[in-house]
C-alpha atoms as a PDB file:
ATOM      1  CA  MET A   1     129.943 165.040 156.497  1.00  0.00           C
ATOM      2  CA  LYS A   2     127.456 166.947 158.773  1.00  0.00           C
ATOM      3  CA  LYS A   3     125.088 163.595 158.916  1.00  0.00           C
ATOM      4  CA  ILE A   4     128.174 161.423 159.690  1.00  0.00           C
ATOM      5  CA  LEU A   5     129.188 163.888 162.667  1.00  0.00           C
ATOM      6  CA  SER A   6     125.810 164.075 164.168  1.00  0.00           C
ATOM      7  CA  ALA A   7     125.605 160.335 163.964  1.00  0.00           C
ATOM      8  CA  ILE A   8     128.601 160.162 165.430  1.00  0.00           C
ATOM      9  CA  ILE A   9     127.331 162.767 168.372  1.00  0.00           C
ATOM     10  CA  ILE A  10     124.015 160.664 168.862  1.00  0.00           C
ATOM     11  CA  ILE A  11     126.043 157.169 169.108  1.00  0.00           C
ATOM     12  CA  ALA A  12     128.870 158.438 171.782  1.00  0.00           C
ATOM     13  CA  THR A  13     125.907 160.205 173.917  1.00  0.00           C
ATOM     14  CA  GLY A  14     123.603 157.998 173.714  1.00  0.00           C
ATOM     15  CA  LEU A  15     126.221 155.347 174.509  1.00  0.00           C
ATOM     16  CA  LEU A  16     127.991 157.357 177.516  1.00  0.00           C
ATOM     17  CA  THR A  17     124.843 157.674 178.756  1.00  0.00           C
ATOM     18  CA  LEU A  18     123.965 153.867 179.337  1.00  0.00           C
ATOM     19  CA  ALA A  19     127.210 153.181 180.226  1.00  0.00           C
ATOM     20  CA  GLY A  20     126.783 155.719 183.032  1.00  0.00           C
ATOM     21  CA  TYR A  21     123.669 154.011 184.464  1.00  0.00           C
ATOM     22  CA  LEU A  22     125.531 150.471 184.257  1.00  0.00           C
ATOM     23  CA  PHE A  23     128.798 151.998 185.780  1.00  0.00           C
ATOM     24  CA  ARG A  24     127.834 154.871 188.457  1.00  0.00           C
ATOM     25  CA  GLU A  25     131.099 155.246 190.152  1.00  0.00           C
ATOM     26  CA  ALA A  26     133.049 155.849 187.815  1.00  0.00           C
ATOM     27  CA  LEU A  27     131.068 157.823 185.317  1.00  0.00           C
ATOM     28  CA  SER A  28     128.897 159.464 187.893  1.00  0.00           C
ATOM     29  CA  PRO A  29     130.246 163.110 186.600  1.00  0.00           C
ATOM     30  CA  VAL A  30     129.228 162.326 182.850  1.00  0.00           C
ATOM     31  CA  LEU A  31     125.803 160.922 183.801  1.00  0.00           C
ATOM     32  CA  ALA A  32     124.927 164.266 186.097  1.00  0.00           C
ATOM     33  CA  LEU A  33     126.696 166.832 183.287  1.00  0.00           C
ATOM     34  CA  PHE A  34     124.346 164.915 180.446  1.00  0.00           C
ATOM     35  CA  THR A  35     121.424 165.400 183.016  1.00  0.00           C
ATOM     36  CA  ASP A  36     122.096 168.600 183.173  1.00  0.00           C
ATOM     37  CA  TRP A  37     122.355 169.959 179.728  1.00  0.00           C
ATOM     38  CA  ALA A  38     118.984 167.776 179.110  1.00  0.00           C
ATOM     39  CA  ILE A  39     117.047 169.858 182.014  1.00  0.00           C
ATOM     40  CA  LEU A  40     118.841 173.032 180.509  1.00  0.00           C
ATOM     41  CA  LEU A  41     117.414 172.037 177.113  1.00  0.00           C
ATOM     42  CA  ILE A  42     114.434 171.091 178.315  1.00  0.00           C
ATOM     43  CA  GLY A  43     113.629 174.358 180.013  1.00  0.00           C
ATOM     44  CA  ILE A  44     114.751 176.198 177.239  1.00  0.00           C
ATOM     45  CA  ALA A  45     112.275 174.326 175.013  1.00  0.00           C
ATOM     46  CA  GLY A  46     109.475 175.238 177.545  1.00  0.00           C
ATOM     47  CA  ILE A  47     110.342 178.881 177.275  1.00  0.00           C
ATOM     48  CA  LEU A  48     110.187 178.788 173.787  1.00  0.00           C
ATOM     49  CA  GLY A  49     106.764 177.021 173.653  1.00  0.00           C
ATOM     50  CA  ILE A  50     105.207 179.469 176.083  1.00  0.00           C
ATOM     51  CA  GLY A  51     106.515 182.223 174.346  1.00  0.00           C
ATOM     52  CA  TYR A  52     104.962 180.853 170.606  1.00  0.00           C
ATOM     53  CA  LEU A  53     101.742 180.234 172.622  1.00  0.00           C
ATOM     54  CA  LEU A  54     101.434 183.763 173.911  1.00  0.00           C
ATOM     55  CA  ARG A  55     102.574 185.314 170.800  1.00  0.00           C
ATOM     56  CA  MET A  56      99.081 182.988 168.888  1.00  0.00           C
ATOM     57  CA  HIS A  57      96.592 184.485 171.784  1.00  0.00           C
ATOM     58  CA  ILE A  58      98.404 187.821 171.984  1.00  0.00           C
ATOM     59  CA  LEU A  59      97.782 188.038 167.855  1.00  0.00           C
ATOM     60  CA  ARG A  60      94.377 186.647 168.162  1.00  0.00           C
ATOM     61  CA  VAL A  61      93.481 189.312 170.725  1.00  0.00           C
ATOM     62  CA  ALA A  62      94.733 192.252 168.250  1.00  0.00           C
ATOM     63  CA  LYS A  63      92.764 190.402 165.342  1.00  0.00           C
ATOM     64  CA  LYS A  64      89.942 190.475 167.580  1.00  0.00           C
ATOM     65  CA  GLN A  65      89.409 186.906 165.979  1.00  0.00           C
ATOM     66  CA  LYS A  66      86.581 183.905 167.758  1.00  0.00           C
ATOM     67  CA  GLY A  67      87.486 183.387 170.994  1.00  0.00           C
ATOM     68  CA  ASN A  68      89.882 186.325 171.784  1.00  0.00           C
ATOM     69  CA  PHE A  69      87.843 186.679 175.212  1.00  0.00           C
ATOM     70  CA  TYR A  70      89.354 183.430 176.429  1.00  0.00           C
ATOM     71  CA  SER A  71      93.037 184.639 175.017  1.00  0.00           C
ATOM     72  CA  ILE A  72      92.187 187.459 177.085  1.00  0.00           C
ATOM     73  CA  PHE A  73      91.878 185.511 180.075  1.00  0.00           C
ATOM     74  CA  LEU A  74      95.193 183.235 179.669  1.00  0.00           C
ATOM     75  CA  ILE A  75      97.038 186.199 179.373  1.00  0.00           C
ATOM     76  CA  ILE A  76      95.721 188.011 182.317  1.00  0.00           C
ATOM     77  CA  VAL A  77      96.220 184.771 184.118  1.00  0.00           C
ATOM     78  CA  PHE A  78      99.822 183.736 183.235  1.00  0.00           C
ATOM     79  CA  LEU A  79     101.012 187.165 184.081  1.00  0.00           C
ATOM     80  CA  LEU A  80      99.486 186.953 187.414  1.00  0.00           C
ATOM     81  CA  THR A  81     101.073 183.495 188.098  1.00  0.00           C
ATOM     82  CA  VAL A  82     104.243 184.878 187.168  1.00  0.00           C
ATOM     83  CA  ILE A  83     104.374 187.945 189.065  1.00  0.00           C
ATOM     84  CA  SER A  84     103.276 186.032 191.807  1.00  0.00           C
ATOM     85  CA  GLY A  85     105.940 183.392 191.633  1.00  0.00           C
ATOM     86  CA  ILE A  86     108.897 186.167 191.315  1.00  0.00           C
ATOM     87  CA  THR A  87     107.547 188.190 194.319  1.00  0.00           C
ATOM     88  CA  LEU A  88     106.900 185.385 196.359  1.00  0.00           C
ATOM     89  CA  SER A  89     109.299 182.149 194.940  1.00  0.00           C
ATOM     90  CA  PRO A  90     108.157 179.177 194.173  1.00  0.00           C
ATOM     91  CA  GLN A  91     109.101 177.809 197.693  1.00  0.00           C
ATOM     92  CA  SER A  92     106.618 180.384 199.299  1.00  0.00           C
ATOM     93  CA  GLU A  93     103.247 178.123 200.610  1.00  0.00           C
ATOM     94  CA  TYR A  94     101.290 180.605 199.819  1.00  0.00           C
ATOM     95  CA  PHE A  95     102.169 180.253 196.179  1.00  0.00           C
ATOM     96  CA  LYS A  96     101.920 176.436 196.457  1.00  0.00           C
ATOM     97  CA  ASP A  97      98.329 176.686 197.932  1.00  0.00           C
ATOM     98  CA  MET A  98      97.845 178.772 195.038  1.00  0.00           C
ATOM     99  CA  ILE A  99      98.542 177.186 192.261  1.00  0.00           C
ATOM    100  CA  LEU A 100      96.970 173.344 193.690  1.00  0.00           C
ATOM    101  CA  ASN A 101      94.628 175.048 194.868  1.00  0.00           C
ATOM    102  CA  VAL A 102      93.444 175.597 190.893  1.00  0.00           C
ATOM    103  CA  GLN A 103      95.424 172.424 189.801  1.00  0.00           C
ATOM    104  CA  ILE A 104      94.453 169.716 191.577  1.00  0.00           C
ATOM    105  CA  PRO A 105      90.442 170.677 190.911  1.00  0.00           C
ATOM    106  CA  VAL A 106      91.205 171.073 187.569  1.00  0.00           C
ATOM    107  CA  GLU A 107      93.182 167.733 187.355  1.00  0.00           C
ATOM    108  CA  ALA A 108      90.168 165.637 189.056  1.00  0.00           C
ATOM    109  CA  SER A 109      87.798 167.250 186.951  1.00  0.00           C
ATOM    110  CA  LEU A 110      89.494 165.789 183.504  1.00  0.00           C
ATOM    111  CA  LEU A 111      90.406 162.776 184.836  1.00  0.00           C
ATOM    112  CA  GLY A 112      86.388 162.769 185.807  1.00  0.00           C
ATOM    113  CA  VAL A 113      85.495 163.517 182.497  1.00  0.00           C
ATOM    114  CA  VAL A 114      88.030 160.542 181.321  1.00  0.00           C
ATOM    115  CA  ALA A 115      86.760 158.394 183.191  1.00  0.00           C
ATOM    116  CA  ILE A 116      82.928 159.096 182.069  1.00  0.00           C
ATOM    117  CA  THR A 117      84.293 159.117 178.364  1.00  0.00           C
ATOM    118  CA  LEU A 118      85.744 155.591 178.564  1.00  0.00           C
ATOM    119  CA  LEU A 119      82.762 154.283 179.976  1.00  0.00           C
ATOM    120  CA  TYR A 120      80.453 155.796 177.073  1.00  0.00           C
ATOM    121  CA  THR A 121      83.195 154.844 174.572  1.00  0.00           C
ATOM    122  CA  SER A 122      82.694 151.505 175.585  1.00  0.00           C
ATOM    123  CA  LEU A 123      78.953 151.246 175.564  1.00  0.00           C
ATOM    124  CA  ARG A 124      79.462 152.341 171.922  1.00  0.00           C
ATOM    125  CA  VAL A 125      81.903 149.599 171.008  1.00  0.00           C
ATOM    126  CA  VAL A 126      79.002 146.969 172.935  1.00  0.00           C
ATOM    127  CA  ARG A 127      76.531 148.679 170.353  1.00  0.00           C
ATOM    128  CA  ILE A 128      78.813 148.319 167.659  1.00  0.00           C
ATOM    129  CA  GLN A 129      80.719 145.285 167.937  1.00  0.00           C
ATOM    130  CA  GLY A 130      78.372 143.100 170.086  1.00  0.00           C
ATOM    131  CA  TRP A 131      78.753 141.014 173.292  1.00  0.00           C
ATOM    132  CA  THR A 132      82.203 140.243 173.033  1.00  0.00           C
ATOM    133  CA  PRO A 133      84.896 138.898 175.250  1.00  0.00           C
ATOM    134  CA  LEU A 134      86.784 141.689 175.497  1.00  0.00           C
ATOM    135  CA  SER A 135      83.633 144.063 175.231  1.00  0.00           C
ATOM    136  CA  ILE A 136      82.459 142.700 178.212  1.00  0.00           C
ATOM    137  CA  GLY A 137      85.710 142.336 180.310  1.00  0.00           C
ATOM    138  CA  PHE A 138      86.322 146.026 179.767  1.00  0.00           C
ATOM    139  CA  LEU A 139      83.032 147.634 180.456  1.00  0.00           C
ATOM    140  CA  SER A 140      82.791 145.137 183.707  1.00  0.00           C
ATOM    141  CA  SER A 141      85.598 146.217 184.928  1.00  0.00           C
ATOM    142  CA  ALA A 142      85.296 149.535 184.285  1.00  0.00           C
ATOM    143  CA  LEU A 143      81.760 149.617 186.044  1.00  0.00           C
ATOM    144  CA  ILE A 144      83.449 147.690 189.345  1.00  0.00           C
ATOM    145  CA  MET A 145      85.990 150.356 189.689  1.00  0.00           C
ATOM    146  CA  LEU A 146      83.799 153.102 189.317  1.00  0.00           C
ATOM    147  CA  ILE A 147      81.821 151.380 191.522  1.00  0.00           C
ATOM    148  CA  LEU A 148      84.458 150.555 194.222  1.00  0.00           C
ATOM    149  CA  ASN A 149      86.055 153.916 193.878  1.00  0.00           C
ATOM    150  CA  SER A 150      83.348 155.876 194.313  1.00  0.00           C
ATOM    151  CA  GLY A 151      82.877 155.623 197.990  1.00  0.00           C
ATOM    152  CA  LEU A 152      79.122 154.264 197.864  1.00  0.00           C
ATOM    153  CA  ILE A 153      80.166 150.826 199.341  1.00  0.00           C
ATOM    154  CA  GLY A 154      81.940 150.570 202.410  1.00  0.00           C
ATOM    155  CA  PHE A 155      83.494 147.469 203.201  1.00  0.00           C
ATOM    156  CA  LYS A 156      85.590 146.608 206.895  1.00  0.00           C
ATOM    157  CA  PRO A 157      89.229 145.956 205.636  1.00  0.00           C
ATOM    158  CA  ASP A 158      89.333 142.854 208.065  1.00  0.00           C
ATOM    159  CA  SER A 159      86.632 141.602 206.405  1.00  0.00           C
ATOM    160  CA  LEU A 160      86.815 138.842 203.279  1.00  0.00           C
ATOM    161  CA  ALA A 161      84.662 141.623 201.028  1.00  0.00           C
ATOM    162  CA  GLY A 162      87.397 144.186 202.319  1.00  0.00           C
ATOM    163  CA  ARG A 163      89.985 142.224 201.092  1.00  0.00           C
ATOM    164  CA  ILE A 164      88.730 141.091 197.676  1.00  0.00           C
ATOM    165  CA  ALA A 165      87.617 145.015 196.985  1.00  0.00           C
ATOM    166  CA  GLY A 166      91.219 146.055 197.583  1.00  0.00           C
ATOM    167  CA  PHE A 167      92.843 143.450 195.748  1.00  0.00           C
ATOM    168  CA  ILE A 168      90.435 144.934 192.681  1.00  0.00           C
ATOM    169  CA  GLN A 169      91.431 148.484 193.599  1.00  0.00           C
ATOM    170  CA  ARG A 170      94.875 147.289 193.139  1.00  0.00           C
ATOM    171  CA  MET A 171      94.617 146.181 189.667  1.00  0.00           C
ATOM    172  CA  PRO A 172      94.877 149.690 188.336  1.00  0.00           C
ATOM    173  CA  VAL A 173      98.147 150.197 189.359  1.00  0.00           C
ATOM    174  CA  VAL A 174      99.592 146.601 187.828  1.00  0.00           C
ATOM    175  CA  GLY A 175      98.225 147.546 184.679  1.00  0.00           C
ATOM    176  CA  ALA A 176      99.614 151.065 184.893  1.00  0.00           C
ATOM    177  CA  ARG A 177     103.087 149.464 185.728  1.00  0.00           C
ATOM    178  CA  GLY A 178     102.738 147.174 182.904  1.00  0.00           C
ATOM    179  CA  ILE A 179     101.785 150.198 180.475  1.00  0.00           C
ATOM    180  CA  LEU A 180     105.064 151.987 181.714  1.00  0.00           C
ATOM    181  CA  ILE A 181     107.168 148.879 181.185  1.00  0.00           C
ATOM    182  CA  GLY A 182     105.713 148.330 177.785  1.00  0.00           C
ATOM    183  CA  MET A 183     106.970 152.239 176.947  1.00  0.00           C
ATOM    184  CA  ALA A 184     110.423 151.379 177.982  1.00  0.00           C
ATOM    185  CA  LEU A 185     110.865 148.211 176.170  1.00  0.00           C
ATOM    186  CA  GLY A 186     109.621 150.530 173.429  1.00  0.00           C
ATOM    187  CA  GLY A 187     111.650 153.663 174.171  1.00  0.00           C
ATOM    188  CA  LEU A 188     114.968 151.457 174.272  1.00  0.00           C
ATOM    189  CA  ILE A 189     114.166 149.594 171.168  1.00  0.00           C
ATOM    190  CA  VAL A 190     113.551 152.846 169.413  1.00  0.00           C
ATOM    191  CA  GLY A 191     117.289 153.956 170.862  1.00  0.00           C
ATOM    192  CA  LEU A 192     118.921 151.048 170.056  1.00  0.00           C
ATOM    193  CA  ARG A 193     117.494 151.633 166.454  1.00  0.00           C
ATOM    194  CA  VAL A 194     118.528 155.113 166.304  1.00  0.00           C
ATOM    195  CA  LEU A 195     122.574 154.019 167.937  1.00  0.00           C
ATOM    196  CA  LEU A 196     122.882 151.234 165.303  1.00  0.00           C
ATOM    197  CA  LEU A 197     121.367 153.473 162.767  1.00  0.00           C
ATOM    198  CA  LEU A 198     118.466 151.503 161.515  1.00  0.00           C
ATOM    199  CA  ASP A 199     116.318 154.860 161.890  1.00  0.00           C
ATOM    200  CA  ARG A 200     117.731 158.372 160.487  1.00  0.00           C
ATOM    201  CA  PRO A 201     115.402 160.596 162.826  1.00  0.00           C
ATOM    202  CA  LEU A 202     117.801 163.465 161.130  1.00  0.00           C
ATOM    203  CA  GLY A 203     115.558 163.922 158.340  1.00  0.00           C
ATOM    204  CA  GLU A 204     117.831 162.535 155.604  1.00  0.00           C
ATOM    205  CA  ASP A 205     116.782 159.517 153.174  1.00  0.00           C
END
């Protein structure tokens, strides 16, 4: 009975949410309510995740395990961030600058590492599998994008070379949109399978 009731709630929620996007004027209050509930649940889940992470690092420091220095650093930075956010409020420009001056360089460094890692991986693929059309296309496109985005070669915007370079630099945006469309379609298919009870994410056999 509990499984049937859970399935009915899931199906009703999914259908109402879908109908809210199709009939915004009539069902916009319902859609707004479900959105608020989702944001609230995500926030609670985030708080629980942060609490579990802090508990793990505090236990590591208490037991003097290997790498406890990094745990101490994480706890100190977390407490400073929380105290600064409460004292200054998240709308404070000083608080925003303090966070962004750390977040943006870290994100840029991670993206740089990802780019070099992908290039190195493509070289390994070429060495293991040989020169195939797929490996040649991936390696050449990666090298071209790295060279164009490095700023080492300058093109005049109005010149033919500048237009070609601009067109090539916009191609990853097309690929990213394709990936997002694929993710959306995949999520839609999974949601429909859940609504039609073809998949059972509730743990029942």
